[in-house]
Amino acid sequence: MLLAEAAASAASKFNTFDVFMILFTVLILIGIIRLVKQPVKNKFAIGFSVICLLVFLASDFAMIQNWMS
């Protein structure tokens, strides 16, 4: 009974915004793949997208670490 009470009283670390973070990360990845496949490559757009992807991957990593702790 005590375990059920502790589980009910513990605040969930999962937030609805987390789903959007993961979806935006996947969307940026799809964009990078499409940019790289183009015959005429826009190097600025590819570089900016890679930086955005790295930022989102770092925030996703921190978010998932928060879920696990």
Protein backbone atom coordinates (compact mmCIF):
# COMPACT_ATOMS: atom_id res chain seq x y z
CA MET A 1 0.00 0.00 0.00
CA LEU A 2 2.86 2.35 0.78
CA LEU A 3 4.39 1.80 -2.65
CA ALA A 4 1.12 2.68 -4.35
CA GLU A 5 0.87 5.89 -2.34
CA ALA A 6 4.47 6.81 -3.13
CA ALA A 7 3.90 6.21 -6.83
CA ALA A 8 0.73 8.28 -6.82
CA SER A 9 2.30 11.17 -4.94
CA ALA A 10 5.51 11.28 -7.01
CA ALA A 11 5.41 13.97 -9.65
CA SER A 12 5.74 12.74 -13.20
CA LYS A 13 8.91 13.89 -14.93
CA PHE A 14 7.30 13.46 -18.34
CA ASN A 15 5.95 16.66 -19.84
CA THR A 16 3.74 17.10 -22.91
CA PHE A 17 6.34 19.42 -24.41
CA ASP A 18 8.79 16.48 -24.50
CA VAL A 19 6.82 14.90 -27.35
CA PHE A 20 7.15 18.09 -29.39
CA MET A 21 10.90 18.22 -28.74
CA ILE A 22 11.34 14.71 -30.14
CA LEU A 23 9.09 15.47 -33.13
CA PHE A 24 11.05 18.64 -33.95
CA THR A 25 14.30 16.68 -33.74
CA VAL A 26 12.99 14.13 -36.23
CA LEU A 27 11.71 16.93 -38.47
CA ILE A 28 15.13 18.63 -38.49
CA LEU A 29 16.79 15.30 -39.33
CA ILE A 30 14.42 14.79 -42.26
CA GLY A 31 15.21 18.32 -43.45
CA ILE A 32 18.95 17.65 -43.35
CA ILE A 33 18.53 14.45 -45.33
CA ARG A 34 16.50 16.30 -47.96
CA LEU A 35 19.04 19.15 -48.14
CA VAL A 36 21.94 16.75 -48.64
CA LYS A 37 20.12 14.87 -51.42
CA GLN A 38 19.56 18.02 -53.51
CA PRO A 39 21.70 18.35 -56.66
CA VAL A 40 22.53 21.99 -55.84
CA LYS A 41 23.53 22.08 -52.19
CA ASN A 42 22.94 25.11 -49.98
CA LYS A 43 25.91 24.85 -47.60
CA PHE A 44 24.62 27.55 -45.26
CA ALA A 45 21.27 25.78 -44.83
CA ILE A 46 22.98 22.43 -44.26
CA GLY A 47 25.35 23.92 -41.67
CA PHE A 48 22.57 25.77 -39.86
CA SER A 49 20.42 22.62 -39.82
CA VAL A 50 23.27 20.52 -38.45
CA ILE A 51 23.83 23.02 -35.63
CA CYS A 52 20.10 23.02 -34.86
CA LEU A 53 20.07 19.22 -34.86
CA LEU A 54 23.00 19.10 -32.44
CA VAL A 55 21.26 21.53 -30.08
CA PHE A 56 18.03 19.54 -30.19
CA LEU A 57 19.88 16.23 -29.70
CA ALA A 58 21.64 17.66 -26.64
CA SER A 59 18.34 18.89 -25.20
CA ASP A 60 16.69 15.53 -25.96
CA PHE A 61 19.56 13.76 -24.21
CA ALA A 62 19.14 15.98 -21.13
CA MET A 63 15.38 15.45 -21.23
CA ILE A 64 15.73 11.67 -21.35
CA GLN A 65 18.31 11.75 -18.56
CA ASN A 66 15.73 13.63 -16.48
CA TRP A 67 13.17 10.90 -17.18
CA MET A 68 15.58 8.20 -16.00
CA SER A 69 16.66 9.89 -12.78
